[in-house]
Amino acid sequence: MKKLITRFLKDDAGATAIEYGLIAAGISVAIIAVVNGLGTQLNTTFGTISSSLGGS
């Protein structure tokens, strides 16, 4: 991993840097979508459990 970062920092090609940026952005969007989906599911699950237990 350290070699990859070192090679990235030494690379002067702008296109390669843009590609890395786009890959990082794509991964970030995917992670946000998954976390958002899981949060919604957990909220629904805990709401169901709460109402089953007689909570408000």
PDB file of N, CA and C in Angstrom:
ATOM      1  N   MET A   1       0.839  -1.195   0.000  1.00  0.00           N
ATOM      2  CA  MET A   1       0.000   0.000   0.000  1.00  0.00           C
ATOM      3  C   MET A   1       0.879   1.252   0.000  1.00  0.00           C
ATOM      4  N   LYS A   2       1.955   1.199   0.785  1.00  0.00           N
ATOM      5  CA  LYS A   2       2.851   2.348   0.861  1.00  0.00           C
ATOM      6  C   LYS A   2       3.484   2.631  -0.501  1.00  0.00           C
ATOM      7  N   LYS A   3       3.837   1.560  -1.219  1.00  0.00           N
ATOM      8  CA  LYS A   3       4.423   1.738  -2.550  1.00  0.00           C
ATOM      9  C   LYS A   3       3.415   2.376  -3.497  1.00  0.00           C
ATOM     10  N   LEU A   4       2.156   1.980  -3.383  1.00  0.00           N
ATOM     11  CA  LEU A   4       1.109   2.536  -4.242  1.00  0.00           C
ATOM     12  C   LEU A   4       0.957   4.033  -4.001  1.00  0.00           C
ATOM     13  N   ILE A   5       0.952   4.433  -2.739  1.00  0.00           N
ATOM     14  CA  ILE A   5       0.818   5.858  -2.409  1.00  0.00           C
ATOM     15  C   ILE A   5       2.033   6.632  -2.894  1.00  0.00           C
ATOM     16  N   THR A   6       3.216   6.063  -2.678  1.00  0.00           N
ATOM     17  CA  THR A   6       4.441   6.729  -3.134  1.00  0.00           C
ATOM     18  C   THR A   6       4.439   6.890  -4.645  1.00  0.00           C
ATOM     19  N   ARG A   7       4.046   5.845  -5.349  1.00  0.00           N
ATOM     20  CA  ARG A   7       3.994   5.915  -6.809  1.00  0.00           C
ATOM     21  C   ARG A   7       2.958   6.938  -7.262  1.00  0.00           C
ATOM     22  N   PHE A   8       1.828   6.988  -6.563  1.00  0.00           N
ATOM     23  CA  PHE A   8       0.781   7.957  -6.895  1.00  0.00           C
ATOM     24  C   PHE A   8       1.281   9.382  -6.721  1.00  0.00           C
ATOM     25  N   LEU A   9       1.997   9.641  -5.629  1.00  0.00           N
ATOM     26  CA  LEU A   9       2.485  10.993  -5.365  1.00  0.00           C
ATOM     27  C   LEU A   9       3.571  11.413  -6.360  1.00  0.00           C
ATOM     28  N   LYS A  10       4.355  10.464  -6.850  1.00  0.00           N
ATOM     29  CA  LYS A  10       5.414  10.777  -7.802  1.00  0.00           C
ATOM     30  C   LYS A  10       4.897  10.887  -9.235  1.00  0.00           C
ATOM     31  N   ASP A  11       3.706  10.378  -9.483  1.00  0.00           N
ATOM     32  CA  ASP A  11       3.152  10.373 -10.839  1.00  0.00           C
ATOM     33  C   ASP A  11       2.740  11.788 -11.241  1.00  0.00           C
ATOM     34  N   ASP A  12       3.258  12.237 -12.364  1.00  0.00           N
ATOM     35  CA  ASP A  12       2.937  13.586 -12.834  1.00  0.00           C
ATOM     36  C   ASP A  12       1.795  13.607 -13.836  1.00  0.00           C
ATOM     37  N   ALA A  13       1.317  12.445 -14.221  1.00  0.00           N
ATOM     38  CA  ALA A  13       0.254  12.383 -15.224  1.00  0.00           C
ATOM     39  C   ALA A  13      -1.065  12.794 -14.592  1.00  0.00           C
ATOM     40  N   GLY A  14      -1.643  13.876 -15.081  1.00  0.00           N
ATOM     41  CA  GLY A  14      -2.897  14.372 -14.526  1.00  0.00           C
ATOM     42  C   GLY A  14      -4.052  13.418 -14.734  1.00  0.00           C
ATOM     43  N   ALA A  15      -4.047  12.715 -15.865  1.00  0.00           N
ATOM     44  CA  ALA A  15      -5.136  11.781 -16.169  1.00  0.00           C
ATOM     45  C   ALA A  15      -5.196  10.668 -15.137  1.00  0.00           C
ATOM     46  N   THR A  16      -4.036  10.164 -14.719  1.00  0.00           N
ATOM     47  CA  THR A  16      -4.009   9.086 -13.732  1.00  0.00           C
ATOM     48  C   THR A  16      -4.550   9.582 -12.397  1.00  0.00           C
ATOM     49  N   ALA A  17      -4.190  10.783 -12.020  1.00  0.00           N
ATOM     50  CA  ALA A  17      -4.685  11.347 -10.758  1.00  0.00           C
ATOM     51  C   ALA A  17      -6.200  11.519 -10.810  1.00  0.00           C
ATOM     52  N   ILE A  18      -6.708  11.936 -11.946  1.00  0.00           N
ATOM     53  CA  ILE A  18      -8.156  12.094 -12.099  1.00  0.00           C
ATOM     54  C   ILE A  18      -8.850  10.740 -12.007  1.00  0.00           C
ATOM     55  N   GLU A  19      -8.253   9.714 -12.608  1.00  0.00           N
ATOM     56  CA  GLU A  19      -8.831   8.371 -12.540  1.00  0.00           C
ATOM     57  C   GLU A  19      -8.902   7.886 -11.100  1.00  0.00           C
ATOM     58  N   TYR A  20      -7.827   8.078 -10.350  1.00  0.00           N
ATOM     59  CA  TYR A  20      -7.840   7.690  -8.933  1.00  0.00           C
ATOM     60  C   TYR A  20      -8.924   8.460  -8.176  1.00  0.00           C
ATOM     61  N   GLY A  21      -9.069   9.713  -8.476  1.00  0.00           N
ATOM     62  CA  GLY A  21     -10.096  10.523  -7.825  1.00  0.00           C
ATOM     63  C   GLY A  21     -11.496  10.032  -8.138  1.00  0.00           C
ATOM     64  N   LEU A  22     -11.726   9.663  -9.399  1.00  0.00           N
ATOM     65  CA  LEU A  22     -13.037   9.136  -9.792  1.00  0.00           C
ATOM     66  C   LEU A  22     -13.323   7.790  -9.133  1.00  0.00           C
ATOM     67  N   ILE A  23     -12.309   6.950  -9.034  1.00  0.00           N
ATOM     68  CA  ILE A  23     -12.482   5.660  -8.358  1.00  0.00           C
ATOM     69  C   ILE A  23     -12.831   5.887  -6.889  1.00  0.00           C
ATOM     70  N   ALA A  24     -12.104   6.784  -6.231  1.00  0.00           N
ATOM     71  CA  ALA A  24     -12.374   7.079  -4.816  1.00  0.00           C
ATOM     72  C   ALA A  24     -13.781   7.650  -4.639  1.00  0.00           C
ATOM     73  N   ALA A  25     -14.205   8.519  -5.547  1.00  0.00           N
ATOM     74  CA  ALA A  25     -15.546   9.091  -5.467  1.00  0.00           C
ATOM     75  C   ALA A  25     -16.611   8.014  -5.654  1.00  0.00           C
ATOM     76  N   GLY A  26     -16.391   7.107  -6.595  1.00  0.00           N
ATOM     77  CA  GLY A  26     -17.334   6.015  -6.826  1.00  0.00           C
ATOM     78  C   GLY A  26     -17.469   5.109  -5.614  1.00  0.00           C
ATOM     79  N   ILE A  27     -16.337   4.780  -5.000  1.00  0.00           N
ATOM     80  CA  ILE A  27     -16.365   3.946  -3.806  1.00  0.00           C
ATOM     81  C   ILE A  27     -17.085   4.669  -2.682  1.00  0.00           C
ATOM     82  N   SER A  28     -16.853   5.964  -2.539  1.00  0.00           N
ATOM     83  CA  SER A  28     -17.519   6.748  -1.491  1.00  0.00           C
ATOM     84  C   SER A  28     -19.031   6.758  -1.681  1.00  0.00           C
ATOM     85  N   VAL A  29     -19.478   6.944  -2.906  1.00  0.00           N
ATOM     86  CA  VAL A  29     -20.914   6.951  -3.182  1.00  0.00           C
ATOM     87  C   VAL A  29     -21.522   5.589  -2.850  1.00  0.00           C
ATOM     88  N   ALA A  30     -20.821   4.515  -3.204  1.00  0.00           N
ATOM     89  CA  ALA A  30     -21.321   3.168  -2.915  1.00  0.00           C
ATOM     90  C   ALA A  30     -21.429   2.942  -1.410  1.00  0.00           C
ATOM     91  N   ILE A  31     -20.427   3.360  -0.656  1.00  0.00           N
ATOM     92  CA  ILE A  31     -20.445   3.191   0.797  1.00  0.00           C
ATOM     93  C   ILE A  31     -21.591   3.991   1.414  1.00  0.00           C
ATOM     94  N   ILE A  32     -21.782   5.220   0.969  1.00  0.00           N
ATOM     95  CA  ILE A  32     -22.869   6.054   1.498  1.00  0.00           C
ATOM     96  C   ILE A  32     -24.221   5.421   1.210  1.00  0.00           C
ATOM     97  N   ALA A  33     -24.390   4.877   0.012  1.00  0.00           N
ATOM     98  CA  ALA A  33     -25.661   4.241  -0.347  1.00  0.00           C
ATOM     99  C   ALA A  33     -25.935   3.024   0.536  1.00  0.00           C
ATOM    100  N   VAL A  34     -24.920   2.212   0.766  1.00  0.00           N
ATOM    101  CA  VAL A  34     -25.094   1.015   1.599  1.00  0.00           C
ATOM    102  C   VAL A  34     -25.403   1.400   3.041  1.00  0.00           C
ATOM    103  N   VAL A  35     -24.665   2.345   3.584  1.00  0.00           N
ATOM    104  CA  VAL A  35     -24.895   2.768   4.973  1.00  0.00           C
ATOM    105  C   VAL A  35     -26.281   3.386   5.125  1.00  0.00           C
ATOM    106  N   ASN A  36     -26.695   4.169   4.153  1.00  0.00           N
ATOM    107  CA  ASN A  36     -28.026   4.780   4.189  1.00  0.00           C
ATOM    108  C   ASN A  36     -29.109   3.703   4.162  1.00  0.00           C
ATOM    109  N   GLY A  37     -28.942   2.713   3.296  1.00  0.00           N
ATOM    110  CA  GLY A  37     -29.907   1.617   3.214  1.00  0.00           C
ATOM    111  C   GLY A  37     -29.971   0.812   4.501  1.00  0.00           C
ATOM    112  N   LEU A  38     -28.820   0.526   5.084  1.00  0.00           N
ATOM    113  CA  LEU A  38     -28.790  -0.225   6.341  1.00  0.00           C
ATOM    114  C   LEU A  38     -29.416   0.579   7.472  1.00  0.00           C
ATOM    115  N   GLY A  39     -29.174   1.881   7.479  1.00  0.00           N
ATOM    116  CA  GLY A  39     -29.755   2.737   8.519  1.00  0.00           C
ATOM    117  C   GLY A  39     -31.270   2.726   8.453  1.00  0.00           C
ATOM    118  N   THR A  40     -31.810   2.773   7.252  1.00  0.00           N
ATOM    119  CA  THR A  40     -33.264   2.744   7.074  1.00  0.00           C
ATOM    120  C   THR A  40     -33.828   1.407   7.544  1.00  0.00           C
ATOM    121  N   GLN A  41     -33.163   0.323   7.183  1.00  0.00           N
ATOM    122  CA  GLN A  41     -33.619  -1.004   7.604  1.00  0.00           C
ATOM    123  C   GLN A  41     -33.559  -1.148   9.119  1.00  0.00           C
ATOM    124  N   LEU A  42     -32.482  -0.684   9.733  1.00  0.00           N
ATOM    125  CA  LEU A  42     -32.357  -0.777  11.189  1.00  0.00           C
ATOM    126  C   LEU A  42     -33.424   0.060  11.882  1.00  0.00           C
ATOM    127  N   ASN A  43     -33.709   1.226  11.368  1.00  0.00           N
ATOM    128  CA  ASN A  43     -34.733   2.088  11.943  1.00  0.00           C
ATOM    129  C   ASN A  43     -36.093   1.397  11.898  1.00  0.00           C
ATOM    130  N   THR A  44     -36.396   0.783  10.769  1.00  0.00           N
ATOM    131  CA  THR A  44     -37.660   0.058  10.619  1.00  0.00           C
ATOM    132  C   THR A  44     -37.714  -1.126  11.582  1.00  0.00           C
ATOM    133  N   THR A  45     -36.625  -1.873  11.664  1.00  0.00           N
ATOM    134  CA  THR A  45     -36.575  -3.042  12.553  1.00  0.00           C
ATOM    135  C   THR A  45     -36.758  -2.637  14.004  1.00  0.00           C
ATOM    136  N   PHE A  46     -36.036  -1.623  14.448  1.00  0.00           N
ATOM    137  CA  PHE A  46     -36.162  -1.193  15.845  1.00  0.00           C
ATOM    138  C   PHE A  46     -37.551  -0.603  16.120  1.00  0.00           C
ATOM    139  N   GLY A  47     -38.130   0.066  15.127  1.00  0.00           N
ATOM    140  CA  GLY A  47     -39.492   0.566  15.294  1.00  0.00           C
ATOM    141  C   GLY A  47     -40.485  -0.572  15.481  1.00  0.00           C
ATOM    142  N   THR A  48     -40.324  -1.632  14.701  1.00  0.00           N
ATOM    143  CA  THR A  48     -41.187  -2.817  14.814  1.00  0.00           C
ATOM    144  C   THR A  48     -41.033  -3.462  16.178  1.00  0.00           C
ATOM    145  N   ILE A  49     -39.794  -3.615  16.615  1.00  0.00           N
ATOM    146  CA  ILE A  49     -39.531  -4.230  17.933  1.00  0.00           C
ATOM    147  C   ILE A  49     -40.125  -3.369  19.044  1.00  0.00           C
ATOM    148  N   SER A  50     -39.933  -2.066  18.919  1.00  0.00           N
ATOM    149  CA  SER A  50     -40.448  -1.148  19.934  1.00  0.00           C
ATOM    150  C   SER A  50     -41.977  -1.227  20.033  1.00  0.00           C
ATOM    151  N   SER A  51     -42.642  -1.241  18.892  1.00  0.00           N
ATOM    152  CA  SER A  51     -44.110  -1.314  18.928  1.00  0.00           C
ATOM    153  C   SER A  51     -44.574  -2.689  19.429  1.00  0.00           C
ATOM    154  N   SER A  52     -43.822  -3.740  19.155  1.00  0.00           N
ATOM    155  CA  SER A  52     -44.168  -5.069  19.667  1.00  0.00           C
ATOM    156  C   SER A  52     -44.039  -5.142  21.174  1.00  0.00           C
ATOM    157  N   LEU A  53     -43.094  -4.392  21.706  1.00  0.00           N
ATOM    158  CA  LEU A  53     -42.882  -4.399  23.152  1.00  0.00           C
ATOM    159  C   LEU A  53     -43.805  -3.420  23.862  1.00  0.00           C
ATOM    160  N   GLY A  54     -44.572  -2.668  23.119  1.00  0.00           N
ATOM    161  CA  GLY A  54     -45.531  -1.724  23.726  1.00  0.00           C
ATOM    162  C   GLY A  54     -44.948  -0.345  23.934  1.00  0.00           C
ATOM    163  N   GLY A  55     -43.833  -0.046  23.282  1.00  0.00           N
ATOM    164  CA  GLY A  55     -43.244   1.294  23.415  1.00  0.00           C
ATOM    165  C   GLY A  55     -43.987   2.281  22.543  1.00  0.00           C
ATOM    166  N   SER A  56     -43.594   3.533  22.641  1.00  0.00           N
ATOM    167  CA  SER A  56     -44.284   4.564  21.861  1.00  0.00           C
ATOM    168  C   SER A  56     -43.684   4.739  20.503  1.00  0.00           C
TER     169      SER A  56
END
